[in-house]
Amino acid sequence: MDDKTILNRISELVDEEHRLRSTAQARESGTEGDQDRLRELEESLDQCWDLLRRRRAARETHGDPDAQGVRPRPEVERYLQ
């Protein structure tokens, strides 16, 4: 996956997140399914941003950005704790 593909995926996820939040706000609360999906979107965004940062870091240190892969959600989410 190249940087452009990752950035496109981030854009898609953000668009969906905004739609869900707008819908939830219009109803004054989200459904449990909306909340679950929002959590999934946030985690997927964290994974994408993590991958993009690591690819850029590899490039800056003359490493191979293509050697970077998506880290599992639990590993990426631990950074926030």
C-alpha atoms as a PDB file:
ATOM      1  CA  MET A   1       0.000   0.000   0.000  1.00  0.00           C
ATOM      2  CA  ASP A   2       1.492   3.349  -0.986  1.00  0.00           C
ATOM      3  CA  ASP A   3       1.074   6.722   0.745  1.00  0.00           C
ATOM      4  CA  LYS A   4      -1.567   7.923  -1.716  1.00  0.00           C
ATOM      5  CA  THR A   5      -3.682   4.831  -1.114  1.00  0.00           C
ATOM      6  CA  ILE A   6      -3.356   5.275   2.657  1.00  0.00           C
ATOM      7  CA  LEU A   7      -4.337   8.948   2.421  1.00  0.00           C
ATOM      8  CA  ASN A   8      -7.350   8.042   0.258  1.00  0.00           C
ATOM      9  CA  ARG A   9      -8.398   5.449   2.828  1.00  0.00           C
ATOM     10  CA  ILE A  10      -8.030   8.017   5.622  1.00  0.00           C
ATOM     11  CA  SER A  11     -10.239  10.407   3.660  1.00  0.00           C
ATOM     12  CA  GLU A  12     -12.904   7.719   3.163  1.00  0.00           C
ATOM     13  CA  LEU A  13     -12.877   6.831   6.858  1.00  0.00           C
ATOM     14  CA  VAL A  14     -13.096  10.477   7.931  1.00  0.00           C
ATOM     15  CA  ASP A  15     -16.016  11.076   5.548  1.00  0.00           C
ATOM     16  CA  GLU A  16     -17.883   8.102   6.993  1.00  0.00           C
ATOM     17  CA  GLU A  17     -17.085   9.230  10.530  1.00  0.00           C
ATOM     18  CA  HIS A  18     -18.482  12.696   9.805  1.00  0.00           C
ATOM     19  CA  ARG A  19     -21.655  11.220   8.274  1.00  0.00           C
ATOM     20  CA  LEU A  20     -22.218   9.003  11.301  1.00  0.00           C
ATOM     21  CA  ARG A  21     -21.603  11.830  13.755  1.00  0.00           C
ATOM     22  CA  SER A  22     -23.957  14.135  11.840  1.00  0.00           C
ATOM     23  CA  THR A  23     -26.678  11.503  11.788  1.00  0.00           C
ATOM     24  CA  ALA A  24     -26.231  10.801  15.500  1.00  0.00           C
ATOM     25  CA  GLN A  25     -26.309  14.518  16.271  1.00  0.00           C
ATOM     26  CA  ALA A  26     -29.504  15.002  14.264  1.00  0.00           C
ATOM     27  CA  ARG A  27     -31.147  12.255  16.336  1.00  0.00           C
ATOM     28  CA  GLU A  28     -29.529  13.713  19.471  1.00  0.00           C
ATOM     29  CA  SER A  29     -27.947  10.340  20.150  1.00  0.00           C
ATOM     30  CA  GLY A  30     -26.406   7.552  18.200  1.00  0.00           C
ATOM     31  CA  THR A  31     -27.539   3.969  18.159  1.00  0.00           C
ATOM     32  CA  GLU A  32     -25.388   1.278  19.697  1.00  0.00           C
ATOM     33  CA  GLY A  33     -24.476   0.200  16.165  1.00  0.00           C
ATOM     34  CA  ASP A  34     -23.407   3.763  15.348  1.00  0.00           C
ATOM     35  CA  GLN A  35     -21.213   3.863  18.437  1.00  0.00           C
ATOM     36  CA  ASP A  36     -19.631   0.517  17.548  1.00  0.00           C
ATOM     37  CA  ARG A  37     -18.963   1.673  13.994  1.00  0.00           C
ATOM     38  CA  LEU A  38     -17.475   4.958  15.215  1.00  0.00           C
ATOM     39  CA  ARG A  39     -15.118   3.033  17.480  1.00  0.00           C
ATOM     40  CA  GLU A  40     -14.095   0.837  14.522  1.00  0.00           C
ATOM     41  CA  LEU A  41     -13.541   3.909  12.356  1.00  0.00           C
ATOM     42  CA  GLU A  42     -11.387   5.568  15.003  1.00  0.00           C
ATOM     43  CA  GLU A  43      -9.282   2.438  15.380  1.00  0.00           C
ATOM     44  CA  SER A  44      -8.905   2.063  11.608  1.00  0.00           C
ATOM     45  CA  LEU A  45      -7.874   5.718  11.347  1.00  0.00           C
ATOM     46  CA  ASP A  46      -5.289   5.173  14.078  1.00  0.00           C
ATOM     47  CA  GLN A  47      -3.904   2.217  12.122  1.00  0.00           C
ATOM     48  CA  CYS A  48      -3.728   4.212   8.892  1.00  0.00           C
ATOM     49  CA  TRP A  49      -2.006   7.197  10.524  1.00  0.00           C
ATOM     50  CA  ASP A  50       0.440   4.866  12.288  1.00  0.00           C
ATOM     51  CA  LEU A  51       1.314   3.158   8.995  1.00  0.00           C
ATOM     52  CA  LEU A  52       1.723   6.472   7.196  1.00  0.00           C
ATOM     53  CA  ARG A  53       4.021   7.839   9.940  1.00  0.00           C
ATOM     54  CA  ARG A  54       6.157   4.690   9.905  1.00  0.00           C
ATOM     55  CA  ARG A  55       6.409   4.724   6.093  1.00  0.00           C
ATOM     56  CA  ARG A  56       7.520   8.368   6.174  1.00  0.00           C
ATOM     57  CA  ALA A  57      10.029   7.638   8.937  1.00  0.00           C
ATOM     58  CA  ALA A  58      11.443   4.707   6.967  1.00  0.00           C
ATOM     59  CA  ARG A  59      11.823   6.910   3.898  1.00  0.00           C
ATOM     60  CA  GLU A  60      13.601   9.628   5.916  1.00  0.00           C
ATOM     61  CA  THR A  61      16.054   7.116   7.367  1.00  0.00           C
ATOM     62  CA  HIS A  62      16.686   5.544   3.941  1.00  0.00           C
ATOM     63  CA  GLY A  63      14.678   2.471   4.858  1.00  0.00           C
ATOM     64  CA  ASP A  64      12.102   0.682   2.767  1.00  0.00           C
ATOM     65  CA  PRO A  65       8.632   2.166   3.324  1.00  0.00           C
ATOM     66  CA  ASP A  66       7.089  -0.847   1.590  1.00  0.00           C
ATOM     67  CA  ALA A  67       8.508  -3.075   4.329  1.00  0.00           C
ATOM     68  CA  GLN A  68       6.096  -1.421   6.768  1.00  0.00           C
ATOM     69  CA  GLY A  69       2.815  -3.197   7.340  1.00  0.00           C
ATOM     70  CA  VAL A  70      -0.371  -2.421   9.181  1.00  0.00           C
ATOM     71  CA  ARG A  71       0.022  -3.108  12.881  1.00  0.00           C
ATOM     72  CA  PRO A  72      -2.760  -4.934  14.724  1.00  0.00           C
ATOM     73  CA  ARG A  73      -5.373  -2.682  16.328  1.00  0.00           C
ATOM     74  CA  PRO A  74      -4.502  -3.659  19.912  1.00  0.00           C
ATOM     75  CA  GLU A  75      -0.865  -2.734  19.324  1.00  0.00           C
ATOM     76  CA  VAL A  76      -1.707   0.683  17.839  1.00  0.00           C
ATOM     77  CA  GLU A  77      -4.369   1.434  20.453  1.00  0.00           C
ATOM     78  CA  ARG A  78      -1.928   0.773  23.331  1.00  0.00           C
ATOM     79  CA  TYR A  79      -0.037   3.917  22.307  1.00  0.00           C
ATOM     80  CA  LEU A  80      -2.930   5.992  23.620  1.00  0.00           C
ATOM     81  CA  GLN A  81      -2.783   4.536  27.126  1.00  0.00           C
END
